N, C-alpha and C. Protein backbone atom coordinates (compact mmCIF):
# COMPACT_ATOMS: atom_id res chain seq x y z
N MET A 1 63.92 -34.27 46.78
CA MET A 1 63.90 -34.34 44.94
C MET A 1 65.27 -34.24 44.60
N ARG A 2 66.38 -34.24 46.37
CA ARG A 2 67.13 -35.34 45.68
C ARG A 2 67.89 -36.83 45.16
N PHE A 3 66.81 -37.25 46.33
CA PHE A 3 66.82 -39.05 46.42
C PHE A 3 65.83 -39.62 44.89
N PHE A 4 65.11 -38.80 44.99
CA PHE A 4 63.85 -40.02 43.76
C PHE A 4 63.42 -37.99 42.75
N PRO A 5 64.13 -37.56 42.10
CA PRO A 5 64.17 -37.32 40.73
C PRO A 5 62.85 -36.92 40.02
N ALA A 6 62.97 -38.27 39.96
CA ALA A 6 61.39 -39.28 38.71
C ALA A 6 60.73 -38.74 39.01
N ILE A 7 60.27 -39.43 40.53
CA ILE A 7 59.05 -39.40 41.82
C ILE A 7 58.76 -37.94 41.67
N TRP A 8 59.11 -37.61 41.92
CA TRP A 8 59.02 -36.54 42.95
C TRP A 8 57.68 -35.28 42.35
N PRO A 9 58.56 -34.95 40.86
CA PRO A 9 57.32 -34.05 40.12
C PRO A 9 55.98 -34.04 39.97
N THR A 10 55.56 -36.00 39.88
CA THR A 10 54.20 -36.56 39.71
C THR A 10 53.65 -36.73 41.51
N LEU A 11 54.40 -37.16 42.76
CA LEU A 11 53.82 -36.62 43.76
C LEU A 11 53.70 -35.58 43.92
N TYR A 12 54.47 -34.43 43.28
CA TYR A 12 54.47 -32.82 43.54
C TYR A 12 53.13 -32.66 43.02
N SER A 13 53.04 -33.41 42.35
CA SER A 13 51.57 -32.52 41.35
C SER A 13 49.96 -33.24 42.10
N HIS A 14 49.99 -34.89 42.16
CA HIS A 14 49.41 -35.25 42.81
C HIS A 14 49.34 -34.30 44.39
N ALA A 15 49.80 -34.41 44.62
CA ALA A 15 49.16 -33.92 45.58
C ALA A 15 48.73 -32.49 46.00
N ASN A 16 49.36 -31.25 44.64
CA ASN A 16 48.59 -30.16 44.61
C ASN A 16 47.24 -30.86 44.05
N LYS A 17 47.09 -31.48 43.08
CA LYS A 17 45.35 -32.57 42.92
C LYS A 17 44.69 -32.61 44.55
N MET A 18 45.53 -33.20 45.07
CA MET A 18 44.32 -33.43 46.06
C MET A 18 44.59 -32.85 47.13
N ALA A 19 44.89 -31.42 47.03
CA ALA A 19 45.20 -29.57 47.73
C ALA A 19 43.60 -29.42 47.29
N LEU A 20 43.39 -29.54 45.73
CA LEU A 20 42.03 -28.52 45.01
C LEU A 20 41.01 -30.02 45.58
N ILE A 21 40.94 -30.99 45.25
CA ILE A 21 40.70 -31.52 45.28
C ILE A 21 38.63 -32.13 47.28
N GLU A 22 40.43 -32.06 47.98
CA GLU A 22 39.94 -32.15 48.95
C GLU A 22 40.50 -30.93 50.00
N PRO A 23 39.92 -29.43 50.28
CA PRO A 23 40.22 -28.79 50.66
C PRO A 23 40.63 -29.71 51.78
N LEU A 24 40.99 -29.38 52.73
CA LEU A 24 41.01 -29.37 54.89
C LEU A 24 40.96 -28.20 55.54
N ALA A 25 39.64 -28.00 55.75
CA ALA A 25 39.07 -26.83 56.77
C ALA A 25 39.53 -25.44 55.69
N GLY A 26 40.08 -25.61 55.18
CA GLY A 26 41.02 -23.99 54.98
C GLY A 26 41.76 -24.28 54.70
N ARG A 27 42.37 -25.73 54.85
CA ARG A 27 44.58 -25.41 55.11
C ARG A 27 44.47 -25.57 54.08
N HIS A 28 45.69 -25.31 53.42
CA HIS A 28 47.00 -25.72 53.18
C HIS A 28 47.86 -26.69 52.48
N ARG A 29 47.81 -28.23 52.51
CA ARG A 29 48.79 -28.71 52.28
C ARG A 29 49.05 -29.14 51.37
N SER A 30 49.20 -28.97 50.12
CA SER A 30 49.77 -29.60 49.20
C SER A 30 51.24 -30.26 49.61
N HIS A 31 51.72 -30.28 50.86
CA HIS A 31 53.31 -31.31 50.39
C HIS A 31 53.07 -32.26 51.71
N LYS A 32 51.93 -32.50 51.71
CA LYS A 32 51.29 -33.87 52.34
C LYS A 32 50.55 -34.44 51.21
N LEU A 33 50.87 -36.12 51.20
CA LEU A 33 50.10 -36.84 51.29
C LEU A 33 49.09 -37.19 52.06
N ARG A 34 47.39 -37.48 51.20
CA ARG A 34 46.57 -38.03 52.13
C ARG A 34 46.57 -39.57 51.42
N PHE A 35 46.65 -40.35 52.13
CA PHE A 35 46.97 -41.94 52.14
C PHE A 35 45.40 -43.18 53.32
N ARG A 36 44.83 -43.57 52.22
CA ARG A 36 43.41 -44.43 52.61
C ARG A 36 44.11 -45.33 53.39
N PRO A 37 43.73 -46.40 54.42
CA PRO A 37 43.71 -47.51 54.40
C PRO A 37 43.02 -48.67 53.70
N VAL A 38 43.87 -49.55 53.37
CA VAL A 38 43.05 -50.45 52.25
C VAL A 38 42.05 -51.53 53.63
N ARG A 39 41.54 -51.70 53.00
CA ARG A 39 40.62 -52.98 54.04
C ARG A 39 41.53 -54.43 53.15
N LEU A 40 40.86 -55.04 53.98
CA LEU A 40 41.93 -56.61 53.05
C LEU A 40 40.54 -57.59 53.78
N LYS A 41 40.84 -57.92 52.58
CA LYS A 41 39.43 -59.13 52.73
C LYS A 41 40.00 -61.03 52.62
N MET A 42 39.80 -60.57 53.44
CA MET A 42 40.38 -63.02 54.03
C MET A 42 39.55 -63.73 53.39
N LYS A 43 39.44 -64.46 52.65
CA LYS A 43 38.88 -65.61 52.25
C LYS A 43 39.70 -67.65 52.87
N LEU A 44 37.99 -67.77 53.02
CA LEU A 44 38.80 -69.56 53.81
C LEU A 44 39.17 -69.38 52.34
N GLN A 45 39.60 -71.05 52.44
CA GLN A 45 39.83 -71.72 51.49
C GLN A 45 38.70 -73.35 51.46
N LYS A 46 38.87 -73.69 50.33
CA LYS A 46 37.03 -74.43 50.59
C LYS A 46 37.09 -75.44 51.56
N SER A 47 38.72 -76.00 52.01
CA SER A 47 38.74 -77.11 52.43
C SER A 47 38.71 -76.55 53.69
N GLN A 48 38.82 -75.97 54.66
CA GLN A 48 38.34 -75.10 55.89
C GLN A 48 37.41 -75.10 55.67
N THR A 49 36.84 -74.70 55.03
CA THR A 49 34.54 -74.38 55.09
C THR A 49 34.37 -75.45 55.52
N ASN A 50 34.22 -76.98 54.66
CA ASN A 50 33.23 -77.76 54.47
C ASN A 50 34.30 -78.96 54.76
N GLY A 51 33.50 -80.00 54.96
CA GLY A 51 34.10 -80.87 55.59
C GLY A 51 34.49 -82.51 53.98
N LYS A 52 34.93 -81.79 53.17
CA LYS A 52 35.55 -82.36 52.06
C LYS A 52 36.42 -82.99 51.74
N LEU A 53 36.92 -84.05 51.47
CA LEU A 53 38.58 -84.40 51.46
C LEU A 53 38.46 -83.94 49.43
N THR A 54 39.90 -83.36 50.22
CA THR A 54 40.03 -82.63 48.53
C THR A 54 41.57 -83.13 47.80
N GLY A 55 42.26 -83.15 47.26
CA GLY A 55 43.25 -83.19 46.09
C GLY A 55 44.18 -82.71 47.11
N LYS A 56 44.42 -81.62 47.71
CA LYS A 56 45.63 -81.32 48.74
C LYS A 56 46.08 -82.13 49.10
N ASP A 57 44.66 -82.84 50.18
CA ASP A 57 45.08 -83.45 51.26
C ASP A 57 45.36 -84.55 50.99
N ALA A 58 44.59 -85.43 50.12
CA ALA A 58 45.22 -86.52 49.23
C ALA A 58 46.71 -86.42 49.09
N LYS A 59 47.12 -85.52 48.52
CA LYS A 59 48.10 -85.35 47.85
C LYS A 59 49.03 -85.36 49.66
N THR A 60 49.11 -84.55 50.25
CA THR A 60 49.74 -84.15 51.46
C THR A 60 49.74 -85.11 52.79
N ALA A 61 48.29 -86.02 52.62
CA ALA A 61 48.81 -87.18 53.33
C ALA A 61 49.69 -88.00 52.06
N THR A 62 50.05 -88.53 51.06
CA THR A 62 50.50 -89.59 50.83
C THR A 62 52.39 -89.04 51.32
N LEU A 63 52.87 -87.52 51.12
CA LEU A 63 53.74 -87.03 51.15
C LEU A 63 54.13 -86.96 52.21
N LEU A 64 53.70 -86.77 53.68
CA LEU A 64 53.32 -87.21 54.67
C LEU A 64 54.08 -88.42 54.82
N LYS A 65 53.51 -89.53 54.37
CA LYS A 65 53.35 -90.94 54.56
C LYS A 65 55.11 -91.25 54.23
N HIS A 66 55.44 -91.13 52.61
CA HIS A 66 56.72 -91.41 52.81
C HIS A 66 57.99 -90.13 53.04
N ALA A 67 57.55 -89.45 53.62
CA ALA A 67 58.65 -88.03 53.76
C ALA A 67 59.73 -88.51 54.78
N PRO A 68 59.86 -89.42 56.41
CA PRO A 68 59.91 -89.69 56.77
C PRO A 68 61.02 -90.66 56.43
N TRP A 69 60.46 -92.07 55.59
CA TRP A 69 62.22 -93.01 54.93
C TRP A 69 62.71 -91.90 54.37
N VAL A 70 61.79 -91.01 53.31
CA VAL A 70 63.56 -90.10 52.50
C VAL A 70 63.75 -89.50 53.19
N ALA A 71 63.64 -88.85 54.10
CA ALA A 71 64.05 -87.84 54.92
C ALA A 71 65.50 -88.91 55.92
N VAL A 72 65.08 -90.55 56.11
CA VAL A 72 66.42 -91.31 56.96
C VAL A 72 67.35 -90.78 55.55
N PHE A 73 67.66 -91.78 54.62
CA PHE A 73 67.85 -91.87 53.35
C PHE A 73 68.67 -90.67 52.69
N LEU A 74 67.74 -89.78 52.86
CA LEU A 74 68.63 -88.44 52.19
C LEU A 74 69.87 -87.73 53.12
N THR A 75 69.57 -88.61 54.43
CA THR A 75 70.64 -87.82 54.95
C THR A 75 71.84 -88.09 56.44
N SER A 76 71.80 -89.72 55.71
CA SER A 76 72.21 -90.81 55.74
C SER A 76 73.05 -91.06 54.81
N LEU A 77 73.08 -90.85 53.23
CA LEU A 77 73.95 -91.89 52.19
C LEU A 77 74.57 -90.81 51.64
N PRO A 78 74.18 -89.61 51.07
CA PRO A 78 75.07 -89.07 49.97
C PRO A 78 76.68 -88.45 50.75
N VAL A 79 76.98 -88.01 51.65
CA VAL A 79 77.61 -87.95 52.11
C VAL A 79 79.08 -88.95 52.74
N PRO A 80 78.49 -90.05 53.02
CA PRO A 80 79.30 -91.32 53.13
C PRO A 80 79.31 -91.62 51.66
N LEU A 81 78.78 -91.71 50.76
CA LEU A 81 79.28 -92.01 49.14
C LEU A 81 80.29 -90.60 48.55
N VAL A 82 80.42 -90.18 49.03
CA VAL A 82 81.49 -88.58 48.85
C VAL A 82 82.79 -89.38 49.06
N LEU A 83 82.86 -89.55 50.49
CA LEU A 83 83.95 -89.82 51.11
C LEU A 83 83.90 -90.72 51.43
N LEU A 84 83.59 -92.23 50.33
CA LEU A 84 83.54 -93.48 49.80
C LEU A 84 84.21 -93.73 48.61
N VAL A 85 84.69 -92.48 47.94
CA VAL A 85 84.58 -92.36 47.08
C VAL A 85 85.92 -91.85 46.72
N LEU A 86 85.87 -91.08 47.68
CA LEU A 86 87.12 -90.44 48.00
C LEU A 86 88.24 -90.98 48.40
N PHE A 87 87.38 -92.68 49.03
CA PHE A 87 88.31 -93.48 49.80
C PHE A 87 88.85 -94.20 48.58
N PHE A 88 88.50 -94.74 47.53
CA PHE A 88 88.55 -95.46 46.07
C PHE A 88 89.85 -94.87 45.57
N PHE A 89 89.54 -93.35 45.84
CA PHE A 89 90.56 -92.53 44.35
C PHE A 89 91.71 -91.69 45.77
N SER A 90 91.47 -92.83 46.40
CA SER A 90 92.64 -92.07 47.73
C SER A 90 94.33 -92.73 47.24
N THR A 91 95.91 -91.96 46.69
CA THR A 91 97.12 -92.55 46.78
C THR A 91 97.92 -93.08 47.81
N THR A 92 97.07 -92.43 49.53
CA THR A 92 98.28 -93.62 50.29
C THR A 92 97.38 -93.75 51.63
N THR A 93 98.23 -94.39 52.48
CA THR A 93 97.55 -95.12 53.04
C THR A 93 96.97 -94.11 54.16
N GLU A 94 97.36 -92.70 54.30
CA GLU A 94 97.09 -92.54 55.71
C GLU A 94 95.84 -91.77 55.10
N THR A 95 95.48 -91.57 53.85
CA THR A 95 94.00 -90.28 53.67
C THR A 95 93.52 -91.85 52.67
N ALA A 96 93.05 -93.25 53.06
CA ALA A 96 92.44 -93.89 52.91
C ALA A 96 91.81 -93.92 53.98
N ALA A 97 92.99 -94.50 54.95
CA ALA A 97 91.98 -94.15 56.86
C ALA A 97 91.62 -93.31 57.37
N VAL A 98 91.81 -92.80 56.93
CA VAL A 98 91.47 -90.86 57.46
C VAL A 98 89.75 -90.61 56.64
N PHE A 99 89.49 -91.19 55.10
CA PHE A 99 88.04 -90.92 54.47
C PHE A 99 87.08 -92.14 55.17
N LEU A 100 87.75 -93.01 55.56
CA LEU A 100 86.65 -93.72 55.58
C LEU A 100 85.88 -94.28 57.00
N LEU A 101 87.21 -93.22 58.06
CA LEU A 101 86.72 -92.79 59.43
C LEU A 101 85.79 -92.39 58.90
N LEU A 102 85.85 -90.88 58.59
CA LEU A 102 85.37 -90.17 57.67
C LEU A 102 83.54 -90.33 57.05
N ALA A 103 83.75 -91.35 57.04
CA ALA A 103 82.51 -91.92 55.47
C ALA A 103 82.03 -93.75 56.72
N GLY A 104 82.87 -93.76 57.65
CA GLY A 104 81.22 -94.29 58.80
C GLY A 104 81.58 -93.08 59.26
N LEU A 105 81.35 -92.42 60.00
CA LEU A 105 81.66 -90.84 61.33
C LEU A 105 80.07 -90.46 60.64
N SER A 106 80.73 -90.41 59.19
CA SER A 106 79.23 -89.49 58.76
C SER A 106 78.22 -90.19 58.30
N LEU A 107 78.27 -91.65 57.86
CA LEU A 107 77.16 -92.21 57.78
C LEU A 107 76.32 -92.28 59.72
N THR A 108 77.22 -92.73 60.54
CA THR A 108 76.48 -92.66 61.67
C THR A 108 75.79 -91.23 61.94
N ILE A 109 76.38 -90.20 62.65
CA ILE A 109 75.88 -88.97 62.30
C ILE A 109 74.65 -89.48 61.68
N GLY A 110 74.72 -88.90 60.38
CA GLY A 110 73.05 -88.66 59.15
C GLY A 110 72.08 -90.09 59.49
N PHE A 111 72.92 -90.99 60.01
CA PHE A 111 71.21 -91.57 60.57
C PHE A 111 70.62 -91.51 61.05
N ALA A 112 71.62 -90.51 62.85
CA ALA A 112 70.99 -90.23 63.98
C ALA A 112 70.25 -88.80 63.88
N LEU A 113 70.85 -87.90 62.67
CA LEU A 113 70.27 -86.38 61.98
C LEU A 113 68.64 -87.03 61.39
N GLY A 114 68.31 -88.03 60.51
CA GLY A 114 67.33 -88.72 60.18
C GLY A 114 66.91 -88.89 60.98
N LEU A 115 66.91 -89.89 61.57
CA LEU A 115 66.43 -90.89 63.32
C LEU A 115 65.32 -89.57 63.24
N VAL A 116 66.19 -88.63 63.39
CA VAL A 116 65.30 -87.74 64.76
C VAL A 116 64.26 -87.03 63.22
N ILE A 117 64.38 -86.10 61.88
CA ILE A 117 64.03 -85.37 61.34
C ILE A 117 63.15 -86.48 61.34
N ALA A 118 62.83 -88.04 60.85
CA ALA A 118 61.83 -89.05 60.78
C ALA A 118 60.24 -88.80 62.25
N ALA A 119 61.34 -89.21 63.27
CA ALA A 119 60.28 -88.31 64.14
C ALA A 119 59.52 -87.09 64.49
N ILE A 120 60.18 -86.17 63.90
CA ILE A 120 59.54 -85.05 63.41
C ILE A 120 58.21 -84.90 62.58
N LEU A 121 59.00 -85.82 61.97
CA LEU A 121 57.96 -85.33 60.73
C LEU A 121 56.68 -86.47 60.99
N LEU A 122 56.62 -87.86 61.50
CA LEU A 122 56.14 -88.63 62.05
C LEU A 122 54.80 -87.87 63.19
N LEU A 123 55.36 -87.15 64.05
CA LEU A 123 54.85 -86.26 65.57
C LEU A 123 53.48 -85.39 64.27
N TYR A 124 53.96 -84.93 63.36
CA TYR A 124 53.62 -83.95 62.83
C TYR A 124 52.44 -84.14 62.13
N ARG A 125 53.17 -85.84 61.10
CA ARG A 125 51.62 -86.48 60.15
C ARG A 125 51.04 -86.92 61.36
N LYS A 126 51.21 -87.05 62.34
CA LYS A 126 50.30 -87.67 62.91
C LYS A 126 49.05 -86.15 64.00
N ASN A 127 49.27 -84.67 64.27
CA ASN A 127 48.66 -84.13 64.40
C ASN A 127 48.12 -83.05 62.98
N TRP A 128 48.34 -83.60 62.50
CA TRP A 128 48.13 -83.87 60.65
C TRP A 128 46.56 -84.29 60.25
N LEU A 129 46.87 -85.37 60.77
CA LEU A 129 46.14 -86.26 60.04
C LEU A 129 44.43 -86.55 61.60
N SER A 130 44.55 -86.05 62.38
CA SER A 130 44.02 -85.63 63.55
C SER A 130 43.07 -84.75 62.94
N LYS A 131 43.55 -83.46 62.83
CA LYS A 131 43.12 -82.57 62.51
C LYS A 131 41.61 -82.10 61.07
N LEU A 132 42.35 -83.76 60.54
CA LEU A 132 41.88 -83.20 59.34
C LEU A 132 40.73 -84.12 59.52
N ARG A 133 41.03 -85.88 60.36
CA ARG A 133 39.77 -86.70 60.55
C ARG A 133 38.83 -86.19 61.26
N ASP A 134 38.69 -84.58 62.32
CA ASP A 134 38.37 -84.07 63.17
C ASP A 134 37.26 -82.96 61.76
N ARG A 135 37.79 -82.66 61.14
CA ARG A 135 37.25 -82.45 59.64
C ARG A 135 36.56 -82.25 58.79
N LEU A 136 37.05 -83.32 58.34
CA LEU A 136 36.12 -85.21 57.44
C LEU A 136 34.58 -85.49 58.68
N ALA A 137 35.21 -85.60 59.76
CA ALA A 137 33.68 -85.61 60.59
C ALA A 137 32.54 -84.80 61.43
N SER A 138 33.44 -83.61 60.59
CA SER A 138 32.29 -82.40 61.04
C SER A 138 31.15 -81.87 60.30
N ASP A 139 30.60 -82.88 59.30
CA ASP A 139 29.40 -83.30 58.34
C ASP A 139 29.24 -84.71 58.33
N GLY A 140 29.80 -85.58 58.83
CA GLY A 140 29.68 -86.95 58.73
C GLY A 140 30.61 -87.53 57.88
N ILE A 141 30.17 -88.29 58.06
CA ILE A 141 31.29 -89.69 57.15
C ILE A 141 30.74 -91.05 55.75
N THR A 142 31.72 -90.39 54.64
CA THR A 142 31.32 -90.80 53.59
C THR A 142 31.85 -92.41 53.25
N ALA A 143 31.40 -92.65 52.35
CA ALA A 143 31.89 -94.17 52.27
C ALA A 143 33.41 -93.96 52.03
N ASN A 144 33.85 -93.87 51.03
CA ASN A 144 34.77 -93.08 50.35
C ASN A 144 35.92 -92.84 51.88
N GLU A 145 35.29 -92.13 52.61
CA GLU A 145 36.17 -91.13 54.34
C GLU A 145 36.59 -91.88 55.16
N VAL A 146 36.55 -93.95 54.92
CA VAL A 146 36.25 -94.98 56.12
C VAL A 146 37.17 -94.77 56.30
N VAL A 147 38.32 -95.19 55.69
CA VAL A 147 40.20 -95.59 54.81
C VAL A 147 40.63 -94.40 56.02
N TRP A 148 40.59 -93.12 56.40
CA TRP A 148 40.94 -92.62 57.12
C TRP A 148 40.61 -92.35 58.73
N PHE A 149 39.35 -93.09 59.21
CA PHE A 149 38.98 -93.47 60.44
C PHE A 149 39.92 -94.96 61.06
N ARG A 150 40.76 -95.18 60.62
CA ARG A 150 40.48 -96.44 60.82
C ARG A 150 41.57 -96.35 61.47
N SER A 151 42.49 -96.44 61.26
CA SER A 151 43.01 -95.98 62.95
C SER A 151 42.02 -96.55 64.25
N GLU A 152 41.49 -95.24 63.86
CA GLU A 152 40.94 -95.72 65.03
C GLU A 152 39.48 -96.77 65.52
N LEU A 153 39.47 -97.37 64.86
CA LEU A 153 38.48 -98.49 64.68
C LEU A 153 39.21 -99.64 66.08
N THR A 154 38.32 -99.92 66.78
CA THR A 154 38.32 -101.35 67.26
C THR A 154 39.07 -102.29 66.54
N SER A 155 39.39 -103.40 66.92
CA SER A 155 39.88 -104.48 65.73
C SER A 155 38.82 -105.29 65.64
N ALA A 156 37.55 -105.12 66.07
CA ALA A 156 36.39 -105.84 66.05
C ALA A 156 35.71 -104.94 64.41
N GLU A 157 36.03 -104.17 64.67
CA GLU A 157 35.47 -103.20 63.83
C GLU A 157 36.45 -103.03 62.34
N ARG A 158 37.37 -103.21 62.68
CA ARG A 158 38.01 -103.72 61.32
C ARG A 158 38.14 -104.81 60.75
N LYS A 159 37.75 -106.33 61.81
CA LYS A 159 37.16 -108.13 60.85
C LYS A 159 35.77 -107.12 60.23
N SER A 160 34.96 -106.25 60.36
CA SER A 160 33.34 -106.18 60.40
C SER A 160 33.37 -105.30 58.96
N LEU A 161 34.78 -104.34 59.21
CA LEU A 161 34.65 -103.71 58.16
C LEU A 161 35.36 -103.94 56.63
N GLU A 162 36.63 -105.43 56.75
CA GLU A 162 37.35 -105.93 55.62
C GLU A 162 36.41 -106.82 55.52
N SER A 163 35.18 -107.70 56.37
CA SER A 163 34.35 -109.05 55.46
C SER A 163 33.66 -108.38 54.89
N ILE A 164 33.24 -107.13 55.65
CA ILE A 164 32.03 -106.46 54.29
C ILE A 164 32.63 -105.92 52.45
N ALA A 165 33.48 -104.92 52.99
CA ALA A 165 34.53 -105.25 51.67
C ALA A 165 35.48 -106.19 50.72
N LYS A 166 36.07 -107.23 50.80
CA LYS A 166 36.05 -108.44 51.22
C LYS A 166 34.73 -108.76 49.96
N PRO A 167 33.52 -108.90 49.73
CA PRO A 167 32.32 -109.50 48.52
C PRO A 167 32.75 -107.93 47.65
N LEU A 168 32.54 -106.95 48.45
CA LEU A 168 32.46 -105.27 47.22
C LEU A 168 34.08 -105.33 45.99
N ALA A 169 34.72 -106.12 47.21
CA ALA A 169 35.89 -106.12 46.15
C ALA A 169 35.77 -107.11 44.95
N ILE A 170 34.85 -108.07 45.45
CA ILE A 170 34.24 -109.42 43.29
C ILE A 170 33.45 -108.37 42.63
N VAL A 171 32.70 -108.25 43.39
CA VAL A 171 31.70 -107.09 42.53
C VAL A 171 32.87 -107.17 41.56
N GLU A 172 33.85 -105.72 42.26
CA GLU A 172 34.74 -104.48 41.50
C GLU A 172 35.17 -105.92 40.14
């Protein structure tokens, strides 16, 4: 009662009601609440249940296509730009030299870090695309989904696909 003064009367009255409604084999347990476990129902997303391409998949593919280049850009440029601004506004030669050195060093370290992040994103994209292709192929490939399987085609199959697509592009 000392820790929860506003809640305690409500809990106590609930415990009393439960004791009156559901007596426990003649024993009176008004001070204990009876909690029932809740069953959680897990629902599968539509994209996991069928082999159709969703808008979320297309957006994720576009994001994963551009993310490595953005990562290299964002990790290598901001800090050197700040240090170059400080370099231009420095008043003494010594501080200007330090800022210029730090700008070059941060550009190098940032570019190396960006390449590592880009490599990780490219590996993730490769795995994600293989899982997507497996899911799309589970119920057969439609004409709209052939683009996702282009990397698995041989050069002869790619040429024949391009020769088929050229007359269709003229008609459209």
